C-alpha atoms as a PDB file:
ATOM      1  CA  MET A   1       0.039  -0.053  -0.032  1.00  0.00           C
ATOM      2  CA  ALA A   2       1.456   3.269  -0.953  1.00  0.00           C
ATOM      3  CA  ALA A   3       2.108   5.741   1.773  1.00  0.00           C
ATOM      4  CA  PRO A   4      -0.406   8.601   1.982  1.00  0.00           C
ATOM      5  CA  SER A   5       1.180  12.272   1.339  1.00  0.00           C
ATOM      6  CA  PRO A   6       1.760  14.203   4.405  1.00  0.00           C
ATOM      7  CA  CYS A   7       0.436  17.526   2.851  1.00  0.00           C
ATOM      8  CA  VAL A   8      -1.890  19.332   4.952  1.00  0.00           C
ATOM      9  CA  ASP A   9      -2.514  22.190   2.536  1.00  0.00           C
ATOM     10  CA  ILE A  10      -0.502  24.598   4.513  1.00  0.00           C
ATOM     11  CA  CYS A  11       2.396  25.166   1.944  1.00  0.00           C
ATOM     12  CA  LYS A  12       4.808  27.630   3.354  1.00  0.00           C
ATOM     13  CA  ILE A  13       8.604  27.005   3.116  1.00  0.00           C
ATOM     14  CA  VAL A  14      10.319  28.350   6.405  1.00  0.00           C
ATOM     15  CA  GLN A  15      13.589  30.141   5.021  1.00  0.00           C
ATOM     16  CA  ARG A  16      15.384  29.330   8.051  1.00  0.00           C
ATOM     17  CA  THR A  17      14.958  25.716   7.856  1.00  0.00           C
ATOM     18  CA  GLY A  18      14.060  24.859   4.343  1.00  0.00           C
ATOM     19  CA  HIS A  19      11.067  22.769   5.487  1.00  0.00           C
ATOM     20  CA  CYS A  20       7.338  23.180   4.646  1.00  0.00           C
ATOM     21  CA  ARG A  21       5.561  24.714   7.677  1.00  0.00           C
ATOM     22  CA  GLY A  22       2.498  22.415   7.130  1.00  0.00           C
ATOM     23  CA  CYS A  23       4.220  18.988   6.455  1.00  0.00           C
ATOM     24  CA  GLY A  24       7.729  19.368   7.245  1.00  0.00           C
ATOM     25  CA  ARG A  25       9.039  18.095   3.910  1.00  0.00           C
ATOM     26  CA  THR A  26      11.850  19.976   1.841  1.00  0.00           C
ATOM     27  CA  VAL A  27      11.210  21.376  -1.564  1.00  0.00           C
ATOM     28  CA  ALA A  28      13.091  18.552  -3.059  1.00  0.00           C
ATOM     29  CA  GLU A  29      11.108  15.986  -1.092  1.00  0.00           C
ATOM     30  CA  ILE A  30       7.940  17.515  -2.172  1.00  0.00           C
ATOM     31  CA  ARG A  31       8.947  17.419  -5.906  1.00  0.00           C
ATOM     32  CA  VAL A  32       9.882  13.807  -5.888  1.00  0.00           C
ATOM     33  CA  TRP A  33       6.916  12.551  -3.673  1.00  0.00           C
ATOM     34  CA  LYS A  34       4.792  11.209  -6.500  1.00  0.00           C
ATOM     35  CA  MET A  35       7.764   9.336  -8.161  1.00  0.00           C
ATOM     36  CA  ALA A  36       9.325   8.054  -4.931  1.00  0.00           C
ATOM     37  CA  SER A  37       9.398   4.326  -4.075  1.00  0.00           C
ATOM     38  CA  ASP A  38       7.425   3.196  -0.899  1.00  0.00           C
ATOM     39  CA  GLU A  39      10.681   2.959   1.040  1.00  0.00           C
ATOM     40  CA  GLU A  40      11.865   6.425   0.096  1.00  0.00           C
ATOM     41  CA  LYS A  41       8.297   7.729   1.192  1.00  0.00           C
ATOM     42  CA  GLU A  42       8.540   5.874   4.552  1.00  0.00           C
ATOM     43  CA  ALA A  43      12.050   7.440   5.002  1.00  0.00           C
ATOM     44  CA  ILE A  44      10.746  10.806   4.458  1.00  0.00           C
ATOM     45  CA  LEU A  45       7.669  10.297   6.615  1.00  0.00           C
ATOM     46  CA  ALA A  46      10.038   9.130   9.416  1.00  0.00           C
ATOM     47  CA  ARG A  47      11.936  12.402   9.414  1.00  0.00           C
ATOM     48  CA  LEU A  48       8.819  14.728   9.625  1.00  0.00           C
ATOM     49  CA  PRO A  49       7.802  14.360  13.167  1.00  0.00           C
ATOM     50  CA  GLU A  50      11.082  15.726  14.746  1.00  0.00           C
ATOM     51  CA  ARG A  51      11.362  18.441  11.896  1.00  0.00           C
ATOM     52  CA  LEU A  52       7.764  19.620  12.940  1.00  0.00           C
ATOM     53  CA  ARG A  53       8.486  19.559  16.714  1.00  0.00           C
ATOM     54  CA  MET A  54      11.695  21.534  16.049  1.00  0.00           C
ATOM     55  CA  MET A  55       9.787  24.288  13.974  1.00  0.00           C
ATOM     56  CA  ASP A  56       6.959  24.402  16.728  1.00  0.00           C
ATOM     57  CA  GLN A  57       9.583  24.951  19.522  1.00  0.00           C
ATOM     58  CA  ALA A  58      11.397  27.620  17.541  1.00  0.00           C
ATOM     59  CA  GLU A  59       8.132  29.797  16.994  1.00  0.00           C
ATOM     60  CA  PRO A  60       7.602  32.556  19.607  1.00  0.00           C
END
């Protein structure tokens, strides 16, 4: 079963981190998502929770 996209329709790249404010992916990860293998998608998904936590903690 293919991994679902983590997109939450809040598409804003945070310049300081290079990650999307909504899903946590980089622009490169967003671009390749549809063509990525299931393994690549799972690897991307595994990185997102920590990225999102870091962005939440950094916001005032």
